Amino acid sequence: MQTTSIGNLTEAKVIVALVEAGYLVSQPLGSGHKYDLVADDGKKLHRIQCKTGRVRNGVLVFNAYSIPGSKAKKCSYKGFADLFAVLNPLDGKVFLVPVEDVGTNNVFLRLLPAANGQTQGIKWAAKYEIRPISSPNARVAQW
């Protein structure tokens, strides 16, 4: 599957997850924006950059940066987007991670406990998961 097709599928699944969690969702007109969607929680508008995660050894990994054009320099989303919406392609779950909580590198969200028992310094994916409004823990993600 081509990169564009993967990105389109991720955006569609993120939109569904946000709507099921009770958000109003809008898309910016045209291209060239540093965010893909706008989510309205009834109090505030949130600029959202969608990312397709990669699962490796019980960890969901995503890039918290872009590399525009032919430049080889990583660019941060700080000031351009408020949240990353990260899709786990294996199970379809979506996680909302504040841009301010991460740097300009890869981000690692732990899905399963570490084999060595490590618990400190871990970003647990469950903290960021969004759930349908009918779920008893809807809107678990707190940013």
N, C-alpha and C. Protein backbone atom coordinates (compact mmCIF):
# COMPACT_ATOMS: atom_id res chain seq x y z
N MET A 1 0.85 -1.18 0.00
CA MET A 1 0.00 0.00 0.00
C MET A 1 0.89 1.24 0.00
N GLN A 2 0.54 2.24 -0.78
CA GLN A 2 1.32 3.46 -0.88
C GLN A 2 1.16 4.33 0.36
N THR A 3 2.15 5.20 0.60
CA THR A 3 2.14 6.08 1.77
C THR A 3 0.88 6.93 1.82
N THR A 4 0.45 7.49 0.69
CA THR A 4 -0.74 8.32 0.66
C THR A 4 -1.97 7.52 1.05
N SER A 5 -2.10 6.31 0.55
CA SER A 5 -3.24 5.46 0.89
C SER A 5 -3.26 5.12 2.37
N ILE A 6 -2.08 4.84 2.93
CA ILE A 6 -1.99 4.53 4.37
C ILE A 6 -2.41 5.75 5.19
N GLY A 7 -1.93 6.93 4.79
CA GLY A 7 -2.30 8.16 5.49
C GLY A 7 -3.79 8.44 5.42
N ASN A 8 -4.39 8.22 4.24
CA ASN A 8 -5.83 8.44 4.09
C ASN A 8 -6.63 7.48 4.97
N LEU A 9 -6.21 6.24 5.02
CA LEU A 9 -6.90 5.25 5.85
C LEU A 9 -6.76 5.61 7.33
N THR A 10 -5.58 6.04 7.74
CA THR A 10 -5.37 6.45 9.13
C THR A 10 -6.27 7.63 9.48
N GLU A 11 -6.32 8.64 8.62
CA GLU A 11 -7.19 9.80 8.88
C GLU A 11 -8.64 9.37 9.03
N ALA A 12 -9.10 8.49 8.15
CA ALA A 12 -10.49 8.04 8.21
C ALA A 12 -10.78 7.32 9.54
N LYS A 13 -9.86 6.47 9.97
CA LYS A 13 -10.06 5.73 11.23
C LYS A 13 -9.99 6.67 12.43
N VAL A 14 -9.14 7.68 12.37
CA VAL A 14 -9.06 8.67 13.45
C VAL A 14 -10.36 9.46 13.52
N ILE A 15 -10.89 9.86 12.38
CA ILE A 15 -12.16 10.60 12.36
C ILE A 15 -13.25 9.77 13.02
N VAL A 16 -13.36 8.51 12.65
CA VAL A 16 -14.38 7.63 13.25
C VAL A 16 -14.20 7.56 14.77
N ALA A 17 -12.97 7.37 15.23
CA ALA A 17 -12.71 7.26 16.68
C ALA A 17 -13.10 8.55 17.40
N LEU A 18 -12.76 9.70 16.81
CA LEU A 18 -13.09 10.98 17.44
C LEU A 18 -14.60 11.20 17.49
N VAL A 19 -15.29 10.91 16.40
CA VAL A 19 -16.75 11.08 16.35
C VAL A 19 -17.41 10.14 17.36
N GLU A 20 -16.95 8.89 17.43
CA GLU A 20 -17.51 7.93 18.40
C GLU A 20 -17.28 8.38 19.84
N ALA A 21 -16.21 9.16 20.07
CA ALA A 21 -15.90 9.65 21.41
C ALA A 21 -16.63 10.97 21.70
N GLY A 22 -17.43 11.45 20.77
CA GLY A 22 -18.26 12.62 21.02
C GLY A 22 -17.71 13.95 20.53
N TYR A 23 -16.66 13.94 19.75
CA TYR A 23 -16.09 15.18 19.22
C TYR A 23 -16.74 15.54 17.89
N LEU A 24 -16.80 16.82 17.59
CA LEU A 24 -17.14 17.29 16.25
C LEU A 24 -15.81 17.41 15.52
N VAL A 25 -15.75 16.93 14.29
CA VAL A 25 -14.49 16.89 13.56
C VAL A 25 -14.62 17.67 12.25
N SER A 26 -13.60 18.48 11.97
CA SER A 26 -13.53 19.24 10.72
C SER A 26 -12.19 18.97 10.07
N GLN A 27 -12.16 19.16 8.74
CA GLN A 27 -10.90 19.04 8.00
C GLN A 27 -10.58 20.39 7.37
N PRO A 28 -9.31 20.80 7.41
CA PRO A 28 -8.94 22.06 6.74
C PRO A 28 -9.06 21.90 5.22
N LEU A 29 -9.37 23.01 4.56
CA LEU A 29 -9.47 23.01 3.11
C LEU A 29 -8.08 23.12 2.49
N GLY A 30 -7.80 22.31 1.52
CA GLY A 30 -6.51 22.38 0.84
C GLY A 30 -5.44 21.58 1.54
N SER A 31 -4.22 21.70 1.03
CA SER A 31 -3.11 20.97 1.62
C SER A 31 -2.07 21.95 2.14
N GLY A 32 -1.05 21.42 2.75
CA GLY A 32 0.03 22.27 3.23
C GLY A 32 -0.12 22.69 4.68
N HIS A 33 -1.14 22.17 5.37
CA HIS A 33 -1.32 22.48 6.79
C HIS A 33 -0.44 21.57 7.62
N LYS A 34 -0.05 22.01 8.81
CA LYS A 34 0.74 21.19 9.72
C LYS A 34 -0.17 20.31 10.57
N TYR A 35 -1.47 20.33 10.31
CA TYR A 35 -2.41 19.46 11.02
C TYR A 35 -3.39 18.92 10.00
N ASP A 36 -3.98 17.76 10.33
CA ASP A 36 -4.88 17.08 9.41
C ASP A 36 -6.35 17.32 9.73
N LEU A 37 -6.65 17.49 11.02
CA LEU A 37 -8.04 17.60 11.47
C LEU A 37 -8.16 18.65 12.56
N VAL A 38 -9.40 19.06 12.81
CA VAL A 38 -9.71 19.91 13.96
C VAL A 38 -10.80 19.19 14.73
N ALA A 39 -10.58 18.98 16.03
CA ALA A 39 -11.57 18.32 16.88
C ALA A 39 -12.12 19.34 17.87
N ASP A 40 -13.43 19.40 17.95
CA ASP A 40 -14.14 20.33 18.83
C ASP A 40 -14.73 19.52 19.98
N ASP A 41 -14.26 19.80 21.20
CA ASP A 41 -14.78 19.07 22.37
C ASP A 41 -15.90 19.84 23.07
N GLY A 42 -16.37 20.92 22.45
CA GLY A 42 -17.43 21.73 23.04
C GLY A 42 -16.90 22.91 23.83
N LYS A 43 -15.61 22.89 24.14
CA LYS A 43 -14.97 23.97 24.89
C LYS A 43 -13.82 24.59 24.12
N LYS A 44 -13.14 23.76 23.34
CA LYS A 44 -11.93 24.20 22.67
C LYS A 44 -11.77 23.45 21.35
N LEU A 45 -11.10 24.10 20.40
CA LEU A 45 -10.74 23.44 19.15
C LEU A 45 -9.31 22.93 19.27
N HIS A 46 -9.07 21.70 18.83
CA HIS A 46 -7.77 21.06 18.92
C HIS A 46 -7.28 20.72 17.52
N ARG A 47 -6.10 21.22 17.14
CA ARG A 47 -5.49 20.88 15.85
C ARG A 47 -4.82 19.51 15.99
N ILE A 48 -5.17 18.60 15.11
CA ILE A 48 -4.69 17.22 15.24
C ILE A 48 -3.87 16.80 14.02
N GLN A 49 -2.70 16.26 14.31
CA GLN A 49 -1.83 15.67 13.28
C GLN A 49 -1.96 14.16 13.39
N CYS A 50 -2.42 13.51 12.33
CA CYS A 50 -2.61 12.05 12.34
C CYS A 50 -1.30 11.34 12.02
N LYS A 51 -1.06 10.25 12.72
CA LYS A 51 0.13 9.44 12.51
C LYS A 51 -0.26 7.96 12.52
N THR A 52 0.38 7.20 11.66
CA THR A 52 0.21 5.75 11.66
C THR A 52 1.36 5.18 12.48
N GLY A 53 1.01 4.51 13.57
CA GLY A 53 2.04 3.93 14.43
C GLY A 53 2.57 2.62 13.86
N ARG A 54 3.68 2.19 14.42
CA ARG A 54 4.27 0.90 14.09
C ARG A 54 4.43 0.14 15.41
N VAL A 55 4.01 -1.10 15.45
CA VAL A 55 4.10 -1.88 16.68
C VAL A 55 5.35 -2.74 16.64
N ARG A 56 6.18 -2.57 17.68
CA ARG A 56 7.43 -3.32 17.80
C ARG A 56 7.61 -3.76 19.25
N ASN A 57 7.63 -5.06 19.49
CA ASN A 57 7.90 -5.60 20.83
C ASN A 57 7.02 -4.99 21.91
N GLY A 58 5.72 -4.91 21.65
CA GLY A 58 4.79 -4.40 22.65
C GLY A 58 4.78 -2.89 22.80
N VAL A 59 5.36 -2.17 21.83
CA VAL A 59 5.44 -0.72 21.87
C VAL A 59 4.89 -0.14 20.57
N LEU A 60 4.07 0.90 20.69
CA LEU A 60 3.57 1.63 19.54
C LEU A 60 4.50 2.81 19.30
N VAL A 61 5.12 2.87 18.14
CA VAL A 61 6.12 3.89 17.81
C VAL A 61 5.56 4.80 16.72
N PHE A 62 5.79 6.12 16.88
CA PHE A 62 5.43 7.05 15.81
C PHE A 62 6.43 8.20 15.77
N ASN A 63 6.51 8.85 14.62
CA ASN A 63 7.40 9.98 14.43
C ASN A 63 6.71 11.26 14.89
N ALA A 64 7.33 11.99 15.79
CA ALA A 64 6.78 13.25 16.29
C ALA A 64 7.39 14.43 15.55
N TYR A 65 7.62 14.24 14.26
CA TYR A 65 8.25 15.27 13.44
C TYR A 65 7.85 15.08 11.99
N SER A 66 8.14 16.07 11.18
CA SER A 66 7.97 15.95 9.74
C SER A 66 9.30 16.32 9.08
N ILE A 67 9.47 15.88 7.86
CA ILE A 67 10.65 16.26 7.08
C ILE A 67 10.10 16.85 5.77
N PRO A 68 9.87 18.16 5.77
CA PRO A 68 9.23 18.78 4.59
C PRO A 68 10.14 18.83 3.38
N GLY A 69 9.53 18.62 2.21
CA GLY A 69 10.26 18.73 0.95
C GLY A 69 11.49 17.86 0.90
N SER A 70 12.54 18.38 0.33
CA SER A 70 13.78 17.62 0.19
C SER A 70 14.76 17.90 1.32
N LYS A 71 14.31 18.67 2.33
CA LYS A 71 15.19 18.98 3.46
C LYS A 71 15.42 17.73 4.29
N ALA A 72 16.58 17.61 4.86
CA ALA A 72 16.90 16.45 5.69
C ALA A 72 16.74 16.78 7.16
N LYS A 73 16.17 17.94 7.48
CA LYS A 73 16.04 18.36 8.87
C LYS A 73 14.64 18.04 9.41
N LYS A 74 14.60 17.50 10.61
CA LYS A 74 13.34 17.21 11.28
C LYS A 74 12.69 18.51 11.75
N CYS A 75 11.39 18.64 11.52
CA CYS A 75 10.65 19.82 11.95
C CYS A 75 9.62 19.43 13.00
N SER A 76 9.56 20.19 14.06
CA SER A 76 8.64 19.95 15.16
C SER A 76 7.23 20.42 14.79
N TYR A 77 6.25 19.84 15.45
CA TYR A 77 4.86 20.27 15.29
C TYR A 77 4.46 21.29 16.37
N LYS A 78 5.35 21.58 17.31
CA LYS A 78 5.03 22.52 18.38
C LYS A 78 4.65 23.87 17.80
N GLY A 79 3.51 24.38 18.22
CA GLY A 79 2.99 25.64 17.72
C GLY A 79 2.15 25.49 16.46
N PHE A 80 2.18 24.32 15.83
CA PHE A 80 1.43 24.09 14.60
C PHE A 80 0.29 23.09 14.78
N ALA A 81 0.42 22.20 15.74
CA ALA A 81 -0.61 21.21 16.05
C ALA A 81 -0.66 21.07 17.57
N ASP A 82 -1.80 20.63 18.07
CA ASP A 82 -1.96 20.46 19.52
C ASP A 82 -1.82 19.01 19.95
N LEU A 83 -2.30 18.11 19.10
CA LEU A 83 -2.33 16.69 19.45
C LEU A 83 -1.90 15.83 18.27
N PHE A 84 -1.25 14.72 18.59
CA PHE A 84 -1.04 13.66 17.62
C PHE A 84 -2.16 12.65 17.85
N ALA A 85 -2.82 12.22 16.78
CA ALA A 85 -3.76 11.11 16.85
C ALA A 85 -3.03 9.94 16.20
N VAL A 86 -2.69 8.95 17.01
CA VAL A 86 -1.85 7.85 16.55
C VAL A 86 -2.69 6.58 16.44
N LEU A 87 -2.70 6.01 15.26
CA LEU A 87 -3.44 4.78 15.01
C LEU A 87 -2.55 3.57 15.22
N ASN A 88 -3.04 2.61 16.01
CA ASN A 88 -2.38 1.31 16.09
C ASN A 88 -2.96 0.49 14.94
N PRO A 89 -2.18 0.22 13.90
CA PRO A 89 -2.72 -0.46 12.73
C PRO A 89 -3.10 -1.92 12.98
N LEU A 90 -2.65 -2.49 14.08
CA LEU A 90 -2.96 -3.90 14.37
C LEU A 90 -4.34 -4.09 14.96
N ASP A 91 -4.80 -3.13 15.79
CA ASP A 91 -6.11 -3.30 16.42
C ASP A 91 -7.06 -2.13 16.19
N GLY A 92 -6.61 -1.08 15.50
CA GLY A 92 -7.48 0.06 15.18
C GLY A 92 -7.69 1.05 16.30
N LYS A 93 -7.03 0.87 17.44
CA LYS A 93 -7.17 1.82 18.54
C LYS A 93 -6.45 3.12 18.19
N VAL A 94 -6.99 4.23 18.71
CA VAL A 94 -6.42 5.54 18.45
C VAL A 94 -6.02 6.17 19.78
N PHE A 95 -4.87 6.83 19.78
CA PHE A 95 -4.31 7.46 20.97
C PHE A 95 -4.07 8.93 20.69
N LEU A 96 -4.49 9.80 21.61
CA LEU A 96 -4.27 11.24 21.47
C LEU A 96 -3.14 11.66 22.40
N VAL A 97 -2.05 12.11 21.80
CA VAL A 97 -0.84 12.48 22.54
C VAL A 97 -0.58 13.97 22.34
N PRO A 98 -0.52 14.76 23.43
CA PRO A 98 -0.23 16.19 23.27
C PRO A 98 1.15 16.42 22.64
N VAL A 99 1.19 17.30 21.66
CA VAL A 99 2.46 17.64 21.00
C VAL A 99 3.46 18.15 22.03
N GLU A 100 2.98 18.89 23.01
CA GLU A 100 3.86 19.47 24.04
C GLU A 100 4.52 18.40 24.93
N ASP A 101 3.96 17.18 24.94
CA ASP A 101 4.50 16.11 25.79
C ASP A 101 5.66 15.36 25.16
N VAL A 102 5.94 15.63 23.89
CA VAL A 102 6.98 14.87 23.20
C VAL A 102 7.98 15.81 22.53
N GLY A 103 9.11 15.29 22.18
CA GLY A 103 10.14 16.09 21.51
C GLY A 103 10.00 16.00 20.00
N THR A 104 11.13 16.03 19.34
CA THR A 104 11.17 15.95 17.87
C THR A 104 11.94 14.69 17.48
N ASN A 105 11.45 13.57 17.96
CA ASN A 105 12.05 12.27 17.68
C ASN A 105 10.94 11.25 17.54
N ASN A 106 11.29 9.99 17.66
CA ASN A 106 10.27 8.95 17.72
C ASN A 106 9.69 8.92 19.11
N VAL A 107 8.41 8.60 19.20
CA VAL A 107 7.72 8.47 20.49
C VAL A 107 7.37 7.01 20.66
N PHE A 108 7.54 6.52 21.89
CA PHE A 108 7.29 5.12 22.21
C PHE A 108 6.17 5.04 23.24
N LEU A 109 5.04 4.45 22.85
CA LEU A 109 3.92 4.24 23.77
C LEU A 109 3.85 2.75 24.06
N ARG A 110 4.03 2.40 25.32
CA ARG A 110 4.08 0.99 25.70
C ARG A 110 2.67 0.42 25.75
N LEU A 111 2.45 -0.64 24.97
CA LEU A 111 1.17 -1.36 24.93
C LEU A 111 1.14 -2.51 25.94
N LEU A 112 2.28 -3.17 26.10
CA LEU A 112 2.42 -4.33 26.99
C LEU A 112 3.53 -4.08 27.99
N PRO A 113 3.47 -4.71 29.16
CA PRO A 113 4.56 -4.54 30.13
C PRO A 113 5.90 -4.96 29.54
N ALA A 114 6.96 -4.28 29.97
CA ALA A 114 8.31 -4.60 29.50
C ALA A 114 8.73 -5.97 30.03
N ALA A 115 9.43 -6.72 29.22
CA ALA A 115 9.88 -8.06 29.60
C ALA A 115 10.80 -8.02 30.81
N ASN A 116 11.55 -6.92 30.97
CA ASN A 116 12.49 -6.82 32.10
C ASN A 116 11.84 -6.22 33.35
N GLY A 117 10.53 -5.94 33.29
CA GLY A 117 9.82 -5.42 34.46
C GLY A 117 9.94 -3.92 34.66
N GLN A 118 10.61 -3.22 33.76
CA GLN A 118 10.79 -1.77 33.89
C GLN A 118 9.43 -1.08 33.90
N THR A 119 9.26 -0.11 34.82
CA THR A 119 8.02 0.66 34.88
C THR A 119 8.28 2.16 34.90
N GLN A 120 9.48 2.59 35.27
CA GLN A 120 9.77 4.02 35.33
C GLN A 120 10.14 4.56 33.95
N GLY A 121 9.73 5.80 33.70
CA GLY A 121 10.08 6.46 32.45
C GLY A 121 9.32 5.95 31.24
N ILE A 122 8.23 5.23 31.48
CA ILE A 122 7.46 4.64 30.39
C ILE A 122 6.23 5.50 30.12
N LYS A 123 5.94 5.75 28.84
CA LYS A 123 4.68 6.37 28.43
C LYS A 123 3.73 5.22 28.10
N TRP A 124 2.74 5.03 28.96
CA TRP A 124 1.78 3.95 28.74
C TRP A 124 0.73 4.39 27.73
N ALA A 125 0.52 3.59 26.71
CA ALA A 125 -0.45 3.90 25.67
C ALA A 125 -1.85 4.07 26.24
N ALA A 126 -2.22 3.27 27.22
CA ALA A 126 -3.56 3.32 27.79
C ALA A 126 -3.93 4.71 28.31
N LYS A 127 -2.95 5.46 28.76
CA LYS A 127 -3.20 6.82 29.27
C LYS A 127 -3.75 7.73 28.17
N TYR A 128 -3.42 7.46 26.92
CA TYR A 128 -3.77 8.32 25.80
C TYR A 128 -4.90 7.78 24.92
N GLU A 129 -5.39 6.58 25.22
CA GLU A 129 -6.40 5.96 24.36
C GLU A 129 -7.73 6.69 24.43
N ILE A 130 -8.36 6.87 23.27
CA ILE A 130 -9.71 7.42 23.26
C ILE A 130 -10.68 6.27 23.00
N ARG A 131 -11.86 6.40 23.58
CA ARG A 131 -12.86 5.33 23.49
C ARG A 131 -14.21 5.91 23.11
N PRO A 132 -15.08 5.08 22.53
CA PRO A 132 -16.42 5.56 22.17
C PRO A 132 -17.17 6.10 23.39
N ILE A 133 -18.05 7.06 23.16
CA ILE A 133 -18.80 7.70 24.23
C ILE A 133 -19.66 6.70 25.02
N SER A 134 -20.07 5.60 24.37
CA SER A 134 -20.88 4.59 25.06
C SER A 134 -20.06 3.76 26.04
N SER A 135 -18.74 3.87 25.94
CA SER A 135 -17.85 3.15 26.84
C SER A 135 -17.86 3.82 28.21
N PRO A 136 -17.77 3.04 29.30
CA PRO A 136 -17.74 3.64 30.63
C PRO A 136 -16.53 4.55 30.86
N ASN A 137 -15.49 4.38 30.09
CA ASN A 137 -14.28 5.21 30.24
C ASN A 137 -14.07 6.09 29.02
N ALA A 138 -15.16 6.58 28.42
CA ALA A 138 -15.04 7.42 27.22
C ALA A 138 -14.18 8.64 27.51
N ARG A 139 -13.47 9.09 26.49
CA ARG A 139 -12.57 10.23 26.58
C ARG A 139 -11.54 10.07 27.70
N VAL A 140 -10.97 8.89 27.75
CA VAL A 140 -9.95 8.61 28.76
C VAL A 140 -8.76 9.55 28.60
N ALA A 141 -8.41 9.85 27.36
CA ALA A 141 -7.25 10.71 27.12
C ALA A 141 -7.50 12.09 27.72
N GLN A 142 -6.58 12.53 28.54
CA GLN A 142 -6.67 13.86 29.16
C GLN A 142 -5.48 14.66 28.72
N TRP A 143 -5.72 15.75 28.04
CA TRP A 143 -4.60 16.58 27.63
C TRP A 143 -4.73 17.87 28.23
